């Protein structure tokens, strides 16, 4: 947070690494957004990191035009 003075407006987790998911959520500013892509395995988050920062977590499907409805 030192470098961004309060966090970033939008963070991205697009490689499927649990530690990076936590960092993406934690690095979002108050009322910021974290964008999460497809994962091959289950992932866990600490809900209070989302709730207390009023962060929005959005999922994206990078293959939605290739595999519609997936």
PDB file of N, CA and C in Angstrom:
ATOM      1  N   UNK A   1       0.799  -1.190   0.000  1.00  0.00           N
ATOM      2  CA  UNK A   1       0.000   0.000   0.000  1.00  0.00           C
ATOM      3  C   UNK A   1       0.852   1.268   0.000  1.00  0.00           C
ATOM      4  N   UNK A   2       2.090   1.156   0.375  1.00  0.00           N
ATOM      5  CA  UNK A   2       2.961   2.317   0.421  1.00  0.00           C
ATOM      6  C   UNK A   2       3.072   2.951  -0.956  1.00  0.00           C
ATOM      7  N   UNK A   3       3.165   2.143  -1.992  1.00  0.00           N
ATOM      8  CA  UNK A   3       3.394   2.651  -3.332  1.00  0.00           C
ATOM      9  C   UNK A   3       2.137   3.215  -3.992  1.00  0.00           C
ATOM     10  N   UNK A   4       0.975   2.768  -3.554  1.00  0.00           N
ATOM     11  CA  UNK A   4      -0.261   3.205  -4.198  1.00  0.00           C
ATOM     12  C   UNK A   4      -1.098   4.137  -3.322  1.00  0.00           C
ATOM     13  N   UNK A   5      -0.664   4.419  -2.132  1.00  0.00           N
ATOM     14  CA  UNK A   5      -1.365   5.307  -1.210  1.00  0.00           C
ATOM     15  C   UNK A   5      -2.842   4.918  -1.089  1.00  0.00           C
ATOM     16  N   UNK A   6      -3.094   3.783  -0.494  1.00  0.00           N
ATOM     17  CA  UNK A   6      -4.469   3.352  -0.253  1.00  0.00           C
ATOM     18  C   UNK A   6      -4.948   2.214  -1.123  1.00  0.00           C
ATOM     19  N   UNK A   7      -4.156   1.772  -2.057  1.00  0.00           N
ATOM     20  CA  UNK A   7      -4.547   0.654  -2.896  1.00  0.00           C
ATOM     21  C   UNK A   7      -4.843   1.081  -4.326  1.00  0.00           C
ATOM     22  N   UNK A   8      -5.101   0.084  -5.151  1.00  0.00           N
ATOM     23  CA  UNK A   8      -5.380   0.331  -6.569  1.00  0.00           C
ATOM     24  C   UNK A   8      -6.882   0.308  -6.813  1.00  0.00           C
ATOM     25  N   UNK A   9      -7.329   0.982  -7.857  1.00  0.00           N
ATOM     26  CA  UNK A   9      -8.757   0.983  -8.185  1.00  0.00           C
ATOM     27  C   UNK A   9      -9.210  -0.386  -8.673  1.00  0.00           C
ATOM     28  N   UNK A  10      -8.376  -1.034  -9.482  1.00  0.00           N
ATOM     29  CA  UNK A  10      -8.706  -2.353 -10.030  1.00  0.00           C
ATOM     30  C   UNK A  10      -7.470  -3.234  -9.949  1.00  0.00           C
ATOM     31  N   UNK A  11      -7.652  -4.446  -9.397  1.00  0.00           N
ATOM     32  CA  UNK A  11      -6.560  -5.425  -9.368  1.00  0.00           C
ATOM     33  C   UNK A  11      -6.999  -6.649 -10.160  1.00  0.00           C
ATOM     34  N   UNK A  12      -6.027  -7.408 -10.639  1.00  0.00           N
ATOM     35  CA  UNK A  12      -6.311  -8.576 -11.470  1.00  0.00           C
ATOM     36  C   UNK A  12      -5.589  -9.802 -10.922  1.00  0.00           C
ATOM     37  N   UNK A  13      -6.283 -10.937 -10.931  1.00  0.00           N
ATOM     38  CA  UNK A  13      -5.665 -12.230 -10.650  1.00  0.00           C
ATOM     39  C   UNK A  13      -5.999 -13.092 -11.854  1.00  0.00           C
ATOM     40  N   UNK A  14      -4.998 -13.373 -12.684  1.00  0.00           N
ATOM     41  CA  UNK A  14      -5.259 -14.091 -13.933  1.00  0.00           C
ATOM     42  C   UNK A  14      -4.336 -15.292 -14.139  1.00  0.00           C
ATOM     43  N   UNK A  15      -3.646 -15.722 -13.071  1.00  0.00           N
ATOM     44  CA  UNK A  15      -2.730 -16.859 -13.249  1.00  0.00           C
ATOM     45  C   UNK A  15      -3.102 -18.060 -12.385  1.00  0.00           C
ATOM     46  N   UNK A  16      -4.076 -17.925 -11.502  1.00  0.00           N
ATOM     47  CA  UNK A  16      -4.536 -19.063 -10.714  1.00  0.00           C
ATOM     48  C   UNK A  16      -3.626 -19.456  -9.569  1.00  0.00           C
ATOM     49  N   UNK A  17      -2.988 -18.500  -8.946  1.00  0.00           N
ATOM     50  CA  UNK A  17      -2.102 -18.776  -7.797  1.00  0.00           C
ATOM     51  C   UNK A  17      -2.772 -18.238  -6.534  1.00  0.00           C
ATOM     52  N   UNK A  18      -3.026 -19.095  -5.528  1.00  0.00           N
ATOM     53  CA  UNK A  18      -3.744 -18.666  -4.326  1.00  0.00           C
ATOM     54  C   UNK A  18      -3.167 -17.422  -3.651  1.00  0.00           C
ATOM     55  N   UNK A  19      -1.859 -17.323  -3.557  1.00  0.00           N
ATOM     56  CA  UNK A  19      -1.245 -16.169  -2.908  1.00  0.00           C
ATOM     57  C   UNK A  19      -1.535 -14.883  -3.676  1.00  0.00           C
ATOM     58  N   UNK A  20      -1.562 -14.992  -5.002  1.00  0.00           N
ATOM     59  CA  UNK A  20      -1.825 -13.818  -5.835  1.00  0.00           C
ATOM     60  C   UNK A  20      -3.290 -13.396  -5.702  1.00  0.00           C
ATOM     61  N   UNK A  21      -4.198 -14.349  -5.541  1.00  0.00           N
ATOM     62  CA  UNK A  21      -5.603 -14.015  -5.310  1.00  0.00           C
ATOM     63  C   UNK A  21      -5.735 -13.181  -4.038  1.00  0.00           C
ATOM     64  N   UNK A  22      -5.093 -13.615  -2.970  1.00  0.00           N
ATOM     65  CA  UNK A  22      -5.130 -12.858  -1.714  1.00  0.00           C
ATOM     66  C   UNK A  22      -4.526 -11.467  -1.904  1.00  0.00           C
ATOM     67  N   UNK A  23      -3.411 -11.386  -2.613  1.00  0.00           N
ATOM     68  CA  UNK A  23      -2.755 -10.097  -2.843  1.00  0.00           C
ATOM     69  C   UNK A  23      -3.624  -9.166  -3.686  1.00  0.00           C
ATOM     70  N   UNK A  24      -4.293  -9.717  -4.684  1.00  0.00           N
ATOM     71  CA  UNK A  24      -5.151  -8.897  -5.541  1.00  0.00           C
ATOM     72  C   UNK A  24      -6.289  -8.283  -4.740  1.00  0.00           C
ATOM     73  N   UNK A  25      -6.921  -9.087  -3.903  1.00  0.00           N
ATOM     74  CA  UNK A  25      -8.021  -8.575  -3.077  1.00  0.00           C
ATOM     75  C   UNK A  25      -7.493  -7.561  -2.071  1.00  0.00           C
ATOM     76  N   UNK A  26      -6.376  -7.880  -1.455  1.00  0.00           N
ATOM     77  CA  UNK A  26      -5.806  -6.989  -0.440  1.00  0.00           C
ATOM     78  C   UNK A  26      -5.305  -5.673  -1.032  1.00  0.00           C
ATOM     79  N   UNK A  27      -4.868  -5.688  -2.284  1.00  0.00           N
ATOM     80  CA  UNK A  27      -4.304  -4.482  -2.882  1.00  0.00           C
ATOM     81  C   UNK A  27      -5.369  -3.524  -3.423  1.00  0.00           C
ATOM     82  N   UNK A  28      -6.611  -3.989  -3.528  1.00  0.00           N
ATOM     83  CA  UNK A  28      -7.674  -3.105  -4.017  1.00  0.00           C
ATOM     84  C   UNK A  28      -7.983  -2.035  -2.972  1.00  0.00           C
ATOM     85  N   UNK A  29      -8.222  -0.828  -3.438  1.00  0.00           N
ATOM     86  CA  UNK A  29      -8.540   0.276  -2.537  1.00  0.00           C
ATOM     87  C   UNK A  29      -9.937   0.107  -1.958  1.00  0.00           C
ATOM     88  N   UNK A  30     -10.294   0.958  -1.009  1.00  0.00           N
ATOM     89  CA  UNK A  30     -11.643   0.965  -0.466  1.00  0.00           C
ATOM     90  C   UNK A  30     -12.611   1.179  -1.618  1.00  0.00           C
ATOM     91  N   UNK A  31     -13.596   0.310  -1.728  1.00  0.00           N
ATOM     92  CA  UNK A  31     -14.575   0.285  -2.815  1.00  0.00           C
ATOM     93  C   UNK A  31     -13.941   0.011  -4.178  1.00  0.00           C
ATOM     94  N   UNK A  32     -12.752  -0.621  -4.185  1.00  0.00           N
ATOM     95  CA  UNK A  32     -12.091  -0.993  -5.433  1.00  0.00           C
ATOM     96  C   UNK A  32     -12.657  -2.283  -5.996  1.00  0.00           C
ATOM     97  N   UNK A  33     -12.038  -2.785  -7.060  1.00  0.00           N
ATOM     98  CA  UNK A  33     -12.469  -4.019  -7.714  1.00  0.00           C
ATOM     99  C   UNK A  33     -11.308  -4.987  -7.857  1.00  0.00           C
ATOM    100  N   UNK A  34     -11.607  -6.266  -7.705  1.00  0.00           N
ATOM    101  CA  UNK A  34     -10.648  -7.325  -8.012  1.00  0.00           C
ATOM    102  C   UNK A  34     -11.265  -8.191  -9.103  1.00  0.00           C
ATOM    103  N   UNK A  35     -10.551  -8.350 -10.201  1.00  0.00           N
ATOM    104  CA  UNK A  35     -11.006  -9.153 -11.324  1.00  0.00           C
ATOM    105  C   UNK A  35     -10.302 -10.506 -11.241  1.00  0.00           C
ATOM    106  N   UNK A  36     -11.085 -11.578 -11.281  1.00  0.00           N
ATOM    107  CA  UNK A  36     -10.548 -12.931 -11.125  1.00  0.00           C
ATOM    108  C   UNK A  36     -10.903 -13.758 -12.354  1.00  0.00           C
ATOM    109  N   UNK A  37      -9.921 -14.491 -12.880  1.00  0.00           N
ATOM    110  CA  UNK A  37     -10.158 -15.319 -14.064  1.00  0.00           C
ATOM    111  C   UNK A  37     -10.409 -16.777 -13.667  1.00  0.00           C
ATOM    112  N   UNK A  38     -10.491 -17.627 -14.661  1.00  0.00           N
ATOM    113  CA  UNK A  38     -10.780 -19.054 -14.454  1.00  0.00           C
ATOM    114  C   UNK A  38      -9.667 -19.737 -13.666  1.00  0.00           C
ATOM    115  N   UNK A  39     -10.074 -20.612 -12.752  1.00  0.00           N
ATOM    116  CA  UNK A  39      -9.140 -21.411 -11.946  1.00  0.00           C
ATOM    117  C   UNK A  39      -9.332 -22.879 -12.261  1.00  0.00           C
ATOM    118  N   UNK A  40      -8.253 -23.645 -12.170  1.00  0.00           N
ATOM    119  CA  UNK A  40      -8.313 -25.096 -12.377  1.00  0.00           C
ATOM    120  C   UNK A  40      -8.639 -25.830 -11.079  1.00  0.00           C
ATOM    121  N   UNK A  41      -8.385 -25.182  -9.943  1.00  0.00           N
ATOM    122  CA  UNK A  41      -8.600 -25.812  -8.639  1.00  0.00           C
ATOM    123  C   UNK A  41      -9.420 -24.877  -7.750  1.00  0.00           C
ATOM    124  N   UNK A  42      -9.821 -25.390  -6.598  1.00  0.00           N
ATOM    125  CA  UNK A  42     -10.548 -24.567  -5.620  1.00  0.00           C
ATOM    126  C   UNK A  42      -9.610 -23.522  -5.033  1.00  0.00           C
ATOM    127  N   UNK A  43     -10.185 -22.388  -4.682  1.00  0.00           N
ATOM    128  CA  UNK A  43      -9.408 -21.313  -4.074  1.00  0.00           C
ATOM    129  C   UNK A  43     -10.190 -20.774  -2.886  1.00  0.00           C
ATOM    130  N   UNK A  44      -9.480 -20.292  -1.895  1.00  0.00           N
ATOM    131  CA  UNK A  44     -10.166 -19.713  -0.749  1.00  0.00           C
ATOM    132  C   UNK A  44      -9.767 -18.253  -0.592  1.00  0.00           C
ATOM    133  N   UNK A  45     -10.677 -17.493  -0.031  1.00  0.00           N
ATOM    134  CA  UNK A  45     -10.409 -16.092   0.265  1.00  0.00           C
ATOM    135  C   UNK A  45     -10.777 -15.839   1.721  1.00  0.00           C
ATOM    136  N   UNK A  46     -10.310 -14.736   2.248  1.00  0.00           N
ATOM    137  CA  UNK A  46     -10.703 -14.300   3.580  1.00  0.00           C
ATOM    138  C   UNK A  46     -11.826 -13.283   3.386  1.00  0.00           C
ATOM    139  N   UNK A  47     -13.079 -13.672   3.627  1.00  0.00           N
ATOM    140  CA  UNK A  47     -14.211 -12.797   3.343  1.00  0.00           C
ATOM    141  C   UNK A  47     -14.106 -11.410   3.983  1.00  0.00           C
ATOM    142  N   UNK A  48     -13.520 -11.312   5.160  1.00  0.00           N
ATOM    143  CA  UNK A  48     -13.416 -10.002   5.807  1.00  0.00           C
ATOM    144  C   UNK A  48     -12.570  -9.031   4.993  1.00  0.00           C
ATOM    145  N   UNK A  49     -11.600  -9.531   4.218  1.00  0.00           N
ATOM    146  CA  UNK A  49     -10.812  -8.646   3.359  1.00  0.00           C
ATOM    147  C   UNK A  49     -11.696  -7.991   2.298  1.00  0.00           C
ATOM    148  N   UNK A  50     -12.720  -8.684   1.863  1.00  0.00           N
ATOM    149  CA  UNK A  50     -13.655  -8.141   0.879  1.00  0.00           C
ATOM    150  C   UNK A  50     -14.675  -7.237   1.572  1.00  0.00           C
ATOM    151  N   UNK A  51     -15.247  -7.734   2.653  1.00  0.00           N
ATOM    152  CA  UNK A  51     -16.330  -7.016   3.335  1.00  0.00           C
ATOM    153  C   UNK A  51     -15.851  -5.702   3.938  1.00  0.00           C
ATOM    154  N   UNK A  52     -14.752  -5.722   4.662  1.00  0.00           N
ATOM    155  CA  UNK A  52     -14.298  -4.520   5.353  1.00  0.00           C
ATOM    156  C   UNK A  52     -13.808  -3.433   4.407  1.00  0.00           C
ATOM    157  N   UNK A  53     -13.304  -3.837   3.238  1.00  0.00           N
ATOM    158  CA  UNK A  53     -12.855  -2.831   2.264  1.00  0.00           C
ATOM    159  C   UNK A  53     -13.949  -2.480   1.265  1.00  0.00           C
ATOM    160  N   UNK A  54     -15.106  -3.147   1.389  1.00  0.00           N
ATOM    161  CA  UNK A  54     -16.220  -2.963   0.460  1.00  0.00           C
ATOM    162  C   UNK A  54     -15.758  -3.114  -0.990  1.00  0.00           C
ATOM    163  N   UNK A  55     -14.858  -4.059  -1.183  1.00  0.00           N
ATOM    164  CA  UNK A  55     -14.303  -4.369  -2.493  1.00  0.00           C
ATOM    165  C   UNK A  55     -15.294  -5.231  -3.281  1.00  0.00           C
ATOM    166  N   UNK A  56     -15.329  -5.057  -4.576  1.00  0.00           N
ATOM    167  CA  UNK A  56     -16.130  -5.897  -5.458  1.00  0.00           C
ATOM    168  C   UNK A  56     -15.207  -6.916  -6.113  1.00  0.00           C
ATOM    169  N   UNK A  57     -15.588  -8.185  -6.053  1.00  0.00           N
ATOM    170  CA  UNK A  57     -14.817  -9.236  -6.715  1.00  0.00           C
ATOM    171  C   UNK A  57     -15.643  -9.700  -7.914  1.00  0.00           C
ATOM    172  N   UNK A  58     -15.072  -9.582  -9.112  1.00  0.00           N
ATOM    173  CA  UNK A  58     -15.761  -9.966 -10.342  1.00  0.00           C
ATOM    174  C   UNK A  58     -15.041 -11.118 -11.009  1.00  0.00           C
ATOM    175  N   UNK A  59     -15.807 -12.024 -11.553  1.00  0.00           N
ATOM    176  CA  UNK A  59     -15.238 -13.115 -12.318  1.00  0.00           C
ATOM    177  C   UNK A  59     -15.333 -12.840 -13.806  1.00  0.00           C
ATOM    178  N   UNK A  60     -14.311 -13.236 -14.544  1.00  0.00           N
ATOM    179  CA  UNK A  60     -14.336 -13.108 -16.000  1.00  0.00           C
ATOM    180  C   UNK A  60     -14.019 -14.460 -16.627  1.00  0.00           C
ATOM    181  N   UNK A  61     -14.552 -14.683 -17.794  1.00  0.00           N
ATOM    182  CA  UNK A  61     -14.276 -15.900 -18.538  1.00  0.00           C
ATOM    183  C   UNK A  61     -13.587 -15.485 -19.834  1.00  0.00           C
ATOM    184  N   UNK A  62     -12.285 -15.692 -19.873  1.00  0.00           N
ATOM    185  CA  UNK A  62     -11.506 -15.273 -21.028  1.00  0.00           C
ATOM    186  C   UNK A  62     -11.875 -16.033 -22.288  1.00  0.00           C
ATOM    187  N   UNK A  63     -12.561 -17.181 -22.133  1.00  0.00           N
ATOM    188  CA  UNK A  63     -12.892 -18.016 -23.283  1.00  0.00           C
ATOM    189  C   UNK A  63     -14.376 -17.972 -23.626  1.00  0.00           C
ATOM    190  N   UNK A  64     -15.108 -16.967 -23.176  1.00  0.00           N
ATOM    191  CA  UNK A  64     -16.561 -16.983 -23.357  1.00  0.00           C
ATOM    192  C   UNK A  64     -16.985 -16.959 -24.817  1.00  0.00           C
ATOM    193  N   UNK A  65     -16.168 -16.379 -25.691  1.00  0.00           N
ATOM    194  CA  UNK A  65     -16.535 -16.379 -27.111  1.00  0.00           C
ATOM    195  C   UNK A  65     -16.126 -17.687 -27.796  1.00  0.00           C
ATOM    196  N   UNK A  66     -15.198 -18.405 -27.197  1.00  0.00           N
ATOM    197  CA  UNK A  66     -14.758 -19.683 -27.741  1.00  0.00           C
ATOM    198  C   UNK A  66     -15.649 -20.819 -27.249  1.00  0.00           C
ATOM    199  N   UNK A  67     -16.017 -20.762 -25.954  1.00  0.00           N
ATOM    200  CA  UNK A  67     -16.855 -21.772 -25.323  1.00  0.00           C
ATOM    201  C   UNK A  67     -18.097 -21.089 -24.737  1.00  0.00           C
ATOM    202  N   UNK A  68     -19.038 -20.647 -25.565  1.00  0.00           N
ATOM    203  CA  UNK A  68     -20.213 -19.943 -25.031  1.00  0.00           C
ATOM    204  C   UNK A  68     -21.002 -20.830 -24.063  1.00  0.00           C
ATOM    205  N   UNK A  69     -21.461 -20.213 -23.010  1.00  0.00           N
ATOM    206  CA  UNK A  69     -22.271 -20.941 -22.027  1.00  0.00           C
ATOM    207  C   UNK A  69     -21.457 -21.757 -21.048  1.00  0.00           C
ATOM    208  N   UNK A  70     -20.121 -21.668 -21.105  1.00  0.00           N
ATOM    209  CA  UNK A  70     -19.317 -22.469 -20.177  1.00  0.00           C
ATOM    210  C   UNK A  70     -19.129 -21.757 -18.867  1.00  0.00           C
TER     211      UNK A  70
END
